[in-house]
Amino acid sequence: MADDKRRFFHPYSGIVILGVDWLAFGADLPTGFTLVALVSVVAFVVTFAGVFKIQMRFGDATGPACLKAFIGAVAAGIPFPITGTIAGAAILALSGLPGLRRRL
């Protein structure tokens, strides 16, 4: 994955952001959205930690990794699914996920 440095998010970070967002929304449905605040906070924390670790592992300095983790955590922590929205499309584009299959 030689061109990962040209992407804002590493592809694994994109997977974490969209995956946690999808799981968090799925967890909200059975509860009738009664735990939406708790689920949003947990999604934020899990996404922040995951994206930060991935970005650091693949070459970002602490500052940029923290910024990227914060942006991803906000996207995953908002109480509605971003998959299928402009925000979800931006995450896909910024992480290079559409082209990941070609590179594998």
PDB file of N, CA and C in Angstrom:
ATOM      1  N   MET A   1       0.832  -1.181   0.000  1.00  0.00           N
ATOM      2  CA  MET A   1       0.000   0.000   0.000  1.00  0.00           C
ATOM      3  C   MET A   1       0.874   1.241   0.000  1.00  0.00           C
ATOM      4  N   ALA A   2       1.555   1.438  -1.064  1.00  0.00           N
ATOM      5  CA  ALA A   2       2.527   2.514  -1.146  1.00  0.00           C
ATOM      6  C   ALA A   2       1.883   3.895  -1.183  1.00  0.00           C
ATOM      7  N   ASP A   3       0.651   4.007  -1.653  1.00  0.00           N
ATOM      8  CA  ASP A   3       0.061   5.334  -1.778  1.00  0.00           C
ATOM      9  C   ASP A   3      -0.804   5.721  -0.580  1.00  0.00           C
ATOM     10  N   ASP A   4      -0.729   4.977   0.522  1.00  0.00           N
ATOM     11  CA  ASP A   4      -1.513   5.300   1.707  1.00  0.00           C
ATOM     12  C   ASP A   4      -1.167   6.669   2.282  1.00  0.00           C
ATOM     13  N   LYS A   5       0.068   7.125   2.129  1.00  0.00           N
ATOM     14  CA  LYS A   5       0.468   8.423   2.670  1.00  0.00           C
ATOM     15  C   LYS A   5      -0.258   9.560   1.957  1.00  0.00           C
ATOM     16  N   ARG A   6      -0.777   9.311   0.778  1.00  0.00           N
ATOM     17  CA  ARG A   6      -1.514  10.349   0.058  1.00  0.00           C
ATOM     18  C   ARG A   6      -2.954  10.452   0.528  1.00  0.00           C
ATOM     19  N   ARG A   7      -3.386   9.551   1.349  1.00  0.00           N
ATOM     20  CA  ARG A   7      -4.745   9.552   1.871  1.00  0.00           C
ATOM     21  C   ARG A   7      -4.781  10.243   3.228  1.00  0.00           C
ATOM     22  N   PHE A   8      -5.890  10.929   3.511  1.00  0.00           N
ATOM     23  CA  PHE A   8      -6.031  11.574   4.817  1.00  0.00           C
ATOM     24  C   PHE A   8      -6.126  10.515   5.911  1.00  0.00           C
ATOM     25  N   PHE A   9      -7.017   9.552   5.724  1.00  0.00           N
ATOM     26  CA  PHE A   9      -7.159   8.429   6.652  1.00  0.00           C
ATOM     27  C   PHE A   9      -6.505   7.200   6.040  1.00  0.00           C
ATOM     28  N   HIS A  10      -5.893   6.368   6.867  1.00  0.00           N
ATOM     29  CA  HIS A  10      -5.446   5.062   6.402  1.00  0.00           C
ATOM     30  C   HIS A  10      -6.707   4.244   6.120  1.00  0.00           C
ATOM     31  N   PRO A  11      -6.677   3.331   5.148  1.00  0.00           N
ATOM     32  CA  PRO A  11      -7.870   2.532   4.861  1.00  0.00           C
ATOM     33  C   PRO A  11      -8.432   1.793   6.082  1.00  0.00           C
ATOM     34  N   TYR A  12      -7.559   1.312   6.963  1.00  0.00           N
ATOM     35  CA  TYR A  12      -8.048   0.639   8.170  1.00  0.00           C
ATOM     36  C   TYR A  12      -8.815   1.610   9.073  1.00  0.00           C
ATOM     37  N   SER A  13      -8.393   2.865   9.090  1.00  0.00           N
ATOM     38  CA  SER A  13      -9.120   3.869   9.874  1.00  0.00           C
ATOM     39  C   SER A  13     -10.518   4.081   9.296  1.00  0.00           C
ATOM     40  N   GLY A  14     -10.618   4.102   7.979  1.00  0.00           N
ATOM     41  CA  GLY A  14     -11.935   4.220   7.348  1.00  0.00           C
ATOM     42  C   GLY A  14     -12.845   3.066   7.713  1.00  0.00           C
ATOM     43  N   ILE A  15     -12.282   1.881   7.766  1.00  0.00           N
ATOM     44  CA  ILE A  15     -13.059   0.696   8.156  1.00  0.00           C
ATOM     45  C   ILE A  15     -13.533   0.827   9.590  1.00  0.00           C
ATOM     46  N   VAL A  16     -12.647   1.280  10.482  1.00  0.00           N
ATOM     47  CA  VAL A  16     -13.019   1.450  11.891  1.00  0.00           C
ATOM     48  C   VAL A  16     -14.135   2.486  12.027  1.00  0.00           C
ATOM     49  N   ILE A  17     -13.984   3.624  11.377  1.00  0.00           N
ATOM     50  CA  ILE A  17     -14.980   4.695  11.495  1.00  0.00           C
ATOM     51  C   ILE A  17     -16.349   4.215  11.017  1.00  0.00           C
ATOM     52  N   LEU A  18     -16.394   3.665   9.830  1.00  0.00           N
ATOM     53  CA  LEU A  18     -17.683   3.225   9.275  1.00  0.00           C
ATOM     54  C   LEU A  18     -18.228   2.003  10.014  1.00  0.00           C
ATOM     55  N   GLY A  19     -17.330   1.114  10.425  1.00  0.00           N
ATOM     56  CA  GLY A  19     -17.764  -0.086  11.154  1.00  0.00           C
ATOM     57  C   GLY A  19     -18.345   0.237  12.514  1.00  0.00           C
ATOM     58  N   VAL A  20     -17.671   1.083  13.276  1.00  0.00           N
ATOM     59  CA  VAL A  20     -18.190   1.470  14.594  1.00  0.00           C
ATOM     60  C   VAL A  20     -19.495   2.238  14.433  1.00  0.00           C
ATOM     61  N   ASP A  21     -19.564   3.116  13.456  1.00  0.00           N
ATOM     62  CA  ASP A  21     -20.803   3.857  13.210  1.00  0.00           C
ATOM     63  C   ASP A  21     -21.951   2.899  12.919  1.00  0.00           C
ATOM     64  N   TRP A  22     -21.704   1.923  12.091  1.00  0.00           N
ATOM     65  CA  TRP A  22     -22.734   0.946  11.732  1.00  0.00           C
ATOM     66  C   TRP A  22     -23.153   0.123  12.952  1.00  0.00           C
ATOM     67  N   LEU A  23     -22.171  -0.338  13.727  1.00  0.00           N
ATOM     68  CA  LEU A  23     -22.476  -1.122  14.928  1.00  0.00           C
ATOM     69  C   LEU A  23     -23.216  -0.290  15.972  1.00  0.00           C
ATOM     70  N   ALA A  24     -22.814   0.964  16.142  1.00  0.00           N
ATOM     71  CA  ALA A  24     -23.465   1.824  17.133  1.00  0.00           C
ATOM     72  C   ALA A  24     -24.924   2.062  16.768  1.00  0.00           C
ATOM     73  N   PHE A  25     -25.184   2.331  15.501  1.00  0.00           N
ATOM     74  CA  PHE A  25     -26.570   2.534  15.085  1.00  0.00           C
ATOM     75  C   PHE A  25     -27.364   1.243  15.262  1.00  0.00           C
ATOM     76  N   GLY A  26     -26.738   0.111  14.963  1.00  0.00           N
ATOM     77  CA  GLY A  26     -27.403  -1.179  15.158  1.00  0.00           C
ATOM     78  C   GLY A  26     -27.718  -1.444  16.615  1.00  0.00           C
ATOM     79  N   ALA A  27     -26.848  -0.988  17.518  1.00  0.00           N
ATOM     80  CA  ALA A  27     -27.086  -1.168  18.957  1.00  0.00           C
ATOM     81  C   ALA A  27     -28.211  -0.264  19.446  1.00  0.00           C
ATOM     82  N   ASP A  28     -28.390   0.879  18.795  1.00  0.00           N
ATOM     83  CA  ASP A  28     -29.454   1.806  19.189  1.00  0.00           C
ATOM     84  C   ASP A  28     -30.845   1.280  18.829  1.00  0.00           C
ATOM     85  N   LEU A  29     -30.950   0.590  17.727  1.00  0.00           N
ATOM     86  CA  LEU A  29     -32.264   0.143  17.260  1.00  0.00           C
ATOM     87  C   LEU A  29     -33.015  -0.716  18.282  1.00  0.00           C
ATOM     88  N   PRO A  30     -32.404  -1.784  18.840  1.00  0.00           N
ATOM     89  CA  PRO A  30     -33.159  -2.628  19.777  1.00  0.00           C
ATOM     90  C   PRO A  30     -33.564  -1.910  21.065  1.00  0.00           C
ATOM     91  N   THR A  31     -32.841  -0.884  21.445  1.00  0.00           N
ATOM     92  CA  THR A  31     -33.163  -0.166  22.684  1.00  0.00           C
ATOM     93  C   THR A  31     -34.175   0.946  22.447  1.00  0.00           C
ATOM     94  N   GLY A  32     -34.587   1.117  21.212  1.00  0.00           N
ATOM     95  CA  GLY A  32     -35.516   2.193  20.887  1.00  0.00           C
ATOM     96  C   GLY A  32     -34.879   3.556  21.083  1.00  0.00           C
ATOM     97  N   PHE A  33     -33.568   3.599  20.925  1.00  0.00           N
ATOM     98  CA  PHE A  33     -32.789   4.830  21.042  1.00  0.00           C
ATOM     99  C   PHE A  33     -32.805   5.418  22.454  1.00  0.00           C
ATOM    100  N   THR A  34     -33.114   4.595  23.470  1.00  0.00           N
ATOM    101  CA  THR A  34     -33.094   5.086  24.845  1.00  0.00           C
ATOM    102  C   THR A  34     -31.668   5.262  25.371  1.00  0.00           C
ATOM    103  N   LEU A  35     -30.732   4.548  24.797  1.00  0.00           N
ATOM    104  CA  LEU A  35     -29.339   4.634  25.240  1.00  0.00           C
ATOM    105  C   LEU A  35     -28.473   5.396  24.249  1.00  0.00           C
ATOM    106  N   VAL A  36     -29.087   6.255  23.452  1.00  0.00           N
ATOM    107  CA  VAL A  36     -28.369   6.921  22.370  1.00  0.00           C
ATOM    108  C   VAL A  36     -27.178   7.742  22.885  1.00  0.00           C
ATOM    109  N   ALA A  37     -27.312   8.411  24.010  1.00  0.00           N
ATOM    110  CA  ALA A  37     -26.201   9.214  24.539  1.00  0.00           C
ATOM    111  C   ALA A  37     -25.029   8.316  24.928  1.00  0.00           C
ATOM    112  N   LEU A  38     -25.318   7.221  25.602  1.00  0.00           N
ATOM    113  CA  LEU A  38     -24.268   6.291  26.009  1.00  0.00           C
ATOM    114  C   LEU A  38     -23.604   5.641  24.798  1.00  0.00           C
ATOM    115  N   VAL A  39     -24.394   5.201  23.853  1.00  0.00           N
ATOM    116  CA  VAL A  39     -23.862   4.567  22.648  1.00  0.00           C
ATOM    117  C   VAL A  39     -23.008   5.554  21.861  1.00  0.00           C
ATOM    118  N   SER A  40     -23.435   6.799  21.781  1.00  0.00           N
ATOM    119  CA  SER A  40     -22.654   7.815  21.061  1.00  0.00           C
ATOM    120  C   SER A  40     -21.300   8.053  21.717  1.00  0.00           C
ATOM    121  N   VAL A  41     -21.274   8.118  23.039  1.00  0.00           N
ATOM    122  CA  VAL A  41     -20.013   8.327  23.760  1.00  0.00           C
ATOM    123  C   VAL A  41     -19.088   7.128  23.575  1.00  0.00           C
ATOM    124  N   VAL A  42     -19.639   5.931  23.695  1.00  0.00           N
ATOM    125  CA  VAL A  42     -18.825   4.723  23.511  1.00  0.00           C
ATOM    126  C   VAL A  42     -18.292   4.651  22.084  1.00  0.00           C
ATOM    127  N   ALA A  43     -19.117   4.976  21.099  1.00  0.00           N
ATOM    128  CA  ALA A  43     -18.672   4.972  19.707  1.00  0.00           C
ATOM    129  C   ALA A  43     -17.550   5.987  19.502  1.00  0.00           C
ATOM    130  N   PHE A  44     -17.679   7.167  20.108  1.00  0.00           N
ATOM    131  CA  PHE A  44     -16.645   8.192  19.999  1.00  0.00           C
ATOM    132  C   PHE A  44     -15.327   7.677  20.570  1.00  0.00           C
ATOM    133  N   VAL A  45     -15.368   7.140  21.783  1.00  0.00           N
ATOM    134  CA  VAL A  45     -14.145   6.689  22.463  1.00  0.00           C
ATOM    135  C   VAL A  45     -13.481   5.539  21.707  1.00  0.00           C
ATOM    136  N   VAL A  46     -14.271   4.552  21.304  1.00  0.00           N
ATOM    137  CA  VAL A  46     -13.722   3.396  20.586  1.00  0.00           C
ATOM    138  C   VAL A  46     -13.119   3.827  19.252  1.00  0.00           C
ATOM    139  N   THR A  47     -13.817   4.675  18.528  1.00  0.00           N
ATOM    140  CA  THR A  47     -13.319   5.142  17.232  1.00  0.00           C
ATOM    141  C   THR A  47     -12.063   5.986  17.405  1.00  0.00           C
ATOM    142  N   PHE A  48     -12.062   6.891  18.375  1.00  0.00           N
ATOM    143  CA  PHE A  48     -10.885   7.720  18.605  1.00  0.00           C
ATOM    144  C   PHE A  48      -9.668   6.843  18.879  1.00  0.00           C
ATOM    145  N   ALA A  49      -9.818   5.883  19.785  1.00  0.00           N
ATOM    146  CA  ALA A  49      -8.691   5.011  20.136  1.00  0.00           C
ATOM    147  C   ALA A  49      -8.219   4.197  18.939  1.00  0.00           C
ATOM    148  N   GLY A  50      -9.160   3.635  18.189  1.00  0.00           N
ATOM    149  CA  GLY A  50      -8.800   2.811  17.038  1.00  0.00           C
ATOM    150  C   GLY A  50      -8.111   3.588  15.936  1.00  0.00           C
ATOM    151  N   VAL A  51      -8.690   4.724  15.562  1.00  0.00           N
ATOM    152  CA  VAL A  51      -8.113   5.531  14.489  1.00  0.00           C
ATOM    153  C   VAL A  51      -6.753   6.092  14.911  1.00  0.00           C
ATOM    154  N   PHE A  52      -6.652   6.551  16.149  1.00  0.00           N
ATOM    155  CA  PHE A  52      -5.379   7.091  16.634  1.00  0.00           C
ATOM    156  C   PHE A  52      -4.284   6.031  16.548  1.00  0.00           C
ATOM    157  N   LYS A  53      -4.585   4.836  17.021  1.00  0.00           N
ATOM    158  CA  LYS A  53      -3.598   3.753  16.993  1.00  0.00           C
ATOM    159  C   LYS A  53      -3.198   3.399  15.561  1.00  0.00           C
ATOM    160  N   ILE A  54      -4.168   3.305  14.673  1.00  0.00           N
ATOM    161  CA  ILE A  54      -3.884   2.966  13.271  1.00  0.00           C
ATOM    162  C   ILE A  54      -3.047   4.055  12.614  1.00  0.00           C
ATOM    163  N   GLN A  55      -3.445   5.305  12.787  1.00  0.00           N
ATOM    164  CA  GLN A  55      -2.716   6.398  12.150  1.00  0.00           C
ATOM    165  C   GLN A  55      -1.277   6.482  12.679  1.00  0.00           C
ATOM    166  N   MET A  56      -1.086   6.268  13.967  1.00  0.00           N
ATOM    167  CA  MET A  56       0.264   6.281  14.537  1.00  0.00           C
ATOM    168  C   MET A  56       1.074   5.108  13.985  1.00  0.00           C
ATOM    169  N   ARG A  57       0.447   3.959  13.901  1.00  0.00           N
ATOM    170  CA  ARG A  57       1.139   2.754  13.412  1.00  0.00           C
ATOM    171  C   ARG A  57       1.611   2.915  11.973  1.00  0.00           C
ATOM    172  N   PHE A  58       0.852   3.641  11.183  1.00  0.00           N
ATOM    173  CA  PHE A  58       1.188   3.787   9.772  1.00  0.00           C
ATOM    174  C   PHE A  58       1.804   5.141   9.431  1.00  0.00           C
ATOM    175  N   GLY A  59       2.494   5.756  10.408  1.00  0.00           N
ATOM    176  CA  GLY A  59       3.379   6.859  10.099  1.00  0.00           C
ATOM    177  C   GLY A  59       2.977   8.274  10.449  1.00  0.00           C
ATOM    178  N   ASP A  60       1.788   8.499  10.986  1.00  0.00           N
ATOM    179  CA  ASP A  60       1.429   9.865  11.368  1.00  0.00           C
ATOM    180  C   ASP A  60       2.111  10.250  12.674  1.00  0.00           C
ATOM    181  N   ALA A  61       2.449  11.513  12.804  1.00  0.00           N
ATOM    182  CA  ALA A  61       2.923  12.048  14.078  1.00  0.00           C
ATOM    183  C   ALA A  61       1.723  12.164  15.021  1.00  0.00           C
ATOM    184  N   THR A  62       1.986  12.427  16.288  1.00  0.00           N
ATOM    185  CA  THR A  62       0.932  12.466  17.291  1.00  0.00           C
ATOM    186  C   THR A  62      -0.153  13.499  16.974  1.00  0.00           C
ATOM    187  N   GLY A  63       0.240  14.710  16.604  1.00  0.00           N
ATOM    188  CA  GLY A  63      -0.742  15.768  16.315  1.00  0.00           C
ATOM    189  C   GLY A  63      -1.698  15.417  15.189  1.00  0.00           C
ATOM    190  N   PRO A  64      -1.165  15.083  13.997  1.00  0.00           N
ATOM    191  CA  PRO A  64      -2.072  14.708  12.907  1.00  0.00           C
ATOM    192  C   PRO A  64      -2.913  13.462  13.220  1.00  0.00           C
ATOM    193  N   ALA A  65      -2.326  12.498  13.913  1.00  0.00           N
ATOM    194  CA  ALA A  65      -3.077  11.287  14.275  1.00  0.00           C
ATOM    195  C   ALA A  65      -4.226  11.632  15.215  1.00  0.00           C
ATOM    196  N   CYS A  66      -3.976  12.533  16.144  1.00  0.00           N
ATOM    197  CA  CYS A  66      -5.007  12.953  17.093  1.00  0.00           C
ATOM    198  C   CYS A  66      -6.132  13.703  16.369  1.00  0.00           C
ATOM    199  N   LEU A  67      -5.778  14.579  15.444  1.00  0.00           N
ATOM    200  CA  LEU A  67      -6.782  15.311  14.673  1.00  0.00           C
ATOM    201  C   LEU A  67      -7.641  14.348  13.850  1.00  0.00           C
ATOM    202  N   LYS A  68      -7.005  13.427  13.171  1.00  0.00           N
ATOM    203  CA  LYS A  68      -7.735  12.457  12.357  1.00  0.00           C
ATOM    204  C   LYS A  68      -8.624  11.577  13.228  1.00  0.00           C
ATOM    205  N   ALA A  69      -8.111  11.184  14.392  1.00  0.00           N
ATOM    206  CA  ALA A  69      -8.901  10.371  15.317  1.00  0.00           C
ATOM    207  C   ALA A  69     -10.118  11.153  15.812  1.00  0.00           C
ATOM    208  N   PHE A  70      -9.928  12.429  16.091  1.00  0.00           N
ATOM    209  CA  PHE A  70     -11.045  13.260  16.555  1.00  0.00           C
ATOM    210  C   PHE A  70     -12.112  13.401  15.473  1.00  0.00           C
ATOM    211  N   ILE A  71     -11.690  13.677  14.260  1.00  0.00           N
ATOM    212  CA  ILE A  71     -12.645  13.824  13.153  1.00  0.00           C
ATOM    213  C   ILE A  71     -13.410  12.518  12.934  1.00  0.00           C
ATOM    214  N   GLY A  72     -12.696  11.404  12.924  1.00  0.00           N
ATOM    215  CA  GLY A  72     -13.353  10.105  12.752  1.00  0.00           C
ATOM    216  C   GLY A  72     -14.282   9.770  13.902  1.00  0.00           C
ATOM    217  N   ALA A  73     -13.869  10.110  15.124  1.00  0.00           N
ATOM    218  CA  ALA A  73     -14.691   9.815  16.298  1.00  0.00           C
ATOM    219  C   ALA A  73     -15.974  10.639  16.301  1.00  0.00           C
ATOM    220  N   VAL A  74     -15.880  11.886  15.890  1.00  0.00           N
ATOM    221  CA  VAL A  74     -17.088  12.715  15.782  1.00  0.00           C
ATOM    222  C   VAL A  74     -18.034  12.113  14.743  1.00  0.00           C
ATOM    223  N   ALA A  75     -17.488  11.700  13.611  1.00  0.00           N
ATOM    224  CA  ALA A  75     -18.328  11.108  12.555  1.00  0.00           C
ATOM    225  C   ALA A  75     -19.027   9.847  13.057  1.00  0.00           C
ATOM    226  N   ALA A  76     -18.314   9.005  13.785  1.00  0.00           N
ATOM    227  CA  ALA A  76     -18.915   7.759  14.278  1.00  0.00           C
ATOM    228  C   ALA A  76     -19.812   7.992  15.488  1.00  0.00           C
ATOM    229  N   GLY A  77     -19.544   9.039  16.265  1.00  0.00           N
ATOM    230  CA  GLY A  77     -20.285   9.270  17.502  1.00  0.00           C
ATOM    231  C   GLY A  77     -21.583  10.029  17.352  1.00  0.00           C
ATOM    232  N   ILE A  78     -21.798  10.668  16.204  1.00  0.00           N
ATOM    233  CA  ILE A  78     -23.072  11.369  16.042  1.00  0.00           C
ATOM    234  C   ILE A  78     -24.199  10.332  16.026  1.00  0.00           C
ATOM    235  N   PRO A  79     -25.344  10.667  16.583  1.00  0.00           N
ATOM    236  CA  PRO A  79     -26.381   9.644  16.807  1.00  0.00           C
ATOM    237  C   PRO A  79     -27.239   9.285  15.601  1.00  0.00           C
ATOM    238  N   PHE A  80     -26.642   9.220  14.443  1.00  0.00           N
ATOM    239  CA  PHE A  80     -27.331   8.673  13.280  1.00  0.00           C
ATOM    240  C   PHE A  80     -26.277   8.072  12.358  1.00  0.00           C
ATOM    241  N   PRO A  81     -26.662   7.103  11.537  1.00  0.00           N
ATOM    242  CA  PRO A  81     -25.673   6.440  10.686  1.00  0.00           C
ATOM    243  C   PRO A  81     -25.156   7.360   9.580  1.00  0.00           C
ATOM    244  N   ILE A  82     -23.835   7.361   9.390  1.00  0.00           N
ATOM    245  CA  ILE A  82     -23.266   8.188   8.320  1.00  0.00           C
ATOM    246  C   ILE A  82     -23.087   7.409   7.026  1.00  0.00           C
ATOM    247  N   THR A  83     -23.173   6.082   7.106  1.00  0.00           N
ATOM    248  CA  THR A  83     -23.048   5.272   5.905  1.00  0.00           C
ATOM    249  C   THR A  83     -24.171   5.654   4.949  1.00  0.00           C
ATOM    250  N   GLY A  84     -23.820   5.915   3.720  1.00  0.00           N
ATOM    251  CA  GLY A  84     -24.811   6.298   2.722  1.00  0.00           C
ATOM    252  C   GLY A  84     -25.074   7.796   2.675  1.00  0.00           C
ATOM    253  N   THR A  85     -24.354   8.568   3.479  1.00  0.00           N
ATOM    254  CA  THR A  85     -24.503  10.021   3.456  1.00  0.00           C
ATOM    255  C   THR A  85     -23.262  10.649   2.824  1.00  0.00           C
ATOM    256  N   ILE A  86     -23.283  11.949   2.680  1.00  0.00           N
ATOM    257  CA  ILE A  86     -22.109  12.652   2.160  1.00  0.00           C
ATOM    258  C   ILE A  86     -20.928  12.450   3.103  1.00  0.00           C
ATOM    259  N   ALA A  87     -21.176  12.448   4.414  1.00  0.00           N
ATOM    260  CA  ALA A  87     -20.094  12.221   5.382  1.00  0.00           C
ATOM    261  C   ALA A  87     -19.488  10.835   5.203  1.00  0.00           C
ATOM    262  N   GLY A  88     -20.320   9.844   4.994  1.00  0.00           N
ATOM    263  CA  GLY A  88     -19.823   8.486   4.751  1.00  0.00           C
ATOM    264  C   GLY A  88     -19.034   8.399   3.458  1.00  0.00           C
ATOM    265  N   ALA A  89     -19.522   9.073   2.427  1.00  0.00           N
ATOM    266  CA  ALA A  89     -18.797   9.086   1.155  1.00  0.00           C
ATOM    267  C   ALA A  89     -17.454   9.782   1.309  1.00  0.00           C
ATOM    268  N   ALA A  90     -17.414  10.843   2.118  1.00  0.00           N
ATOM    269  CA  ALA A  90     -16.150  11.543   2.360  1.00  0.00           C
ATOM    270  C   ALA A  90     -15.162  10.637   3.086  1.00  0.00           C
ATOM    271  N   ILE A  91     -15.631   9.886   4.072  1.00  0.00           N
ATOM    272  CA  ILE A  91     -14.759   8.942   4.786  1.00  0.00           C
ATOM    273  C   ILE A  91     -14.212   7.908   3.805  1.00  0.00           C
ATOM    274  N   LEU A  92     -15.071   7.392   2.963  1.00  0.00           N
ATOM    275  CA  LEU A  92     -14.630   6.425   1.953  1.00  0.00           C
ATOM    276  C   LEU A  92     -13.563   7.020   1.048  1.00  0.00           C
ATOM    277  N   ALA A  93     -13.814   8.212   0.561  1.00  0.00           N
ATOM    278  CA  ALA A  93     -12.869   8.851  -0.361  1.00  0.00           C
ATOM    279  C   ALA A  93     -11.561   9.211   0.335  1.00  0.00           C
ATOM    280  N   LEU A  94     -11.648   9.740   1.548  1.00  0.00           N
ATOM    281  CA  LEU A  94     -10.445  10.166   2.272  1.00  0.00           C
ATOM    282  C   LEU A  94      -9.576   8.998   2.727  1.00  0.00           C
ATOM    283  N   SER A  95     -10.160   7.810   2.802  1.00  0.00           N
ATOM    284  CA  SER A  95      -9.377   6.652   3.232  1.00  0.00           C
ATOM    285  C   SER A  95      -8.989   5.743   2.070  1.00  0.00           C
ATOM    286  N   GLY A  96      -9.515   6.007   0.900  1.00  0.00           N
ATOM    287  CA  GLY A  96      -9.165   5.195  -0.257  1.00  0.00           C
ATOM    288  C   GLY A  96      -9.794   3.819  -0.259  1.00  0.00           C
ATOM    289  N   LEU A  97     -10.856   3.637   0.495  1.00  0.00           N
ATOM    290  CA  LEU A  97     -11.485   2.311   0.565  1.00  0.00           C
ATOM    291  C   LEU A  97     -12.013   1.808  -0.774  1.00  0.00           C
ATOM    292  N   PRO A  98     -12.576   2.659  -1.643  1.00  0.00           N
ATOM    293  CA  PRO A  98     -13.046   2.117  -2.922  1.00  0.00           C
ATOM    294  C   PRO A  98     -11.937   1.469  -3.746  1.00  0.00           C
ATOM    295  N   GLY A  99     -10.703   1.966  -3.665  1.00  0.00           N
ATOM    296  CA  GLY A  99      -9.602   1.402  -4.426  1.00  0.00           C
ATOM    297  C   GLY A  99      -8.822   0.322  -3.695  1.00  0.00           C
ATOM    298  N   LEU A 100      -9.198   0.036  -2.451  1.00  0.00           N
ATOM    299  CA  LEU A 100      -8.456  -0.937  -1.643  1.00  0.00           C
ATOM    300  C   LEU A 100      -8.518  -2.332  -2.263  1.00  0.00           C
ATOM    301  N   ARG A 101      -9.643  -2.703  -2.778  1.00  0.00           N
ATOM    302  CA  ARG A 101      -9.801  -4.038  -3.362  1.00  0.00           C
ATOM    303  C   ARG A 101      -8.862  -4.226  -4.549  1.00  0.00           C
ATOM    304  N   ARG A 102      -8.699  -3.189  -5.359  1.00  0.00           N
ATOM    305  CA  ARG A 102      -7.785  -3.257  -6.507  1.00  0.00           C
ATOM    306  C   ARG A 102      -6.352  -3.510  -6.066  1.00  0.00           C
ATOM    307  N   ARG A 103      -5.969  -2.871  -4.946  1.00  0.00           N
ATOM    308  CA  ARG A 103      -4.593  -2.976  -4.475  1.00  0.00           C
ATOM    309  C   ARG A 103      -4.292  -4.293  -3.786  1.00  0.00           C
ATOM    310  N   LEU A 104      -5.332  -4.984  -3.341  1.00  0.00           N
ATOM    311  CA  LEU A 104      -5.113  -6.277  -2.676  1.00  0.00           C
ATOM    312  C   LEU A 104      -5.068  -7.340  -3.703  1.00  0.00           C
TER     313      LEU A 104
END
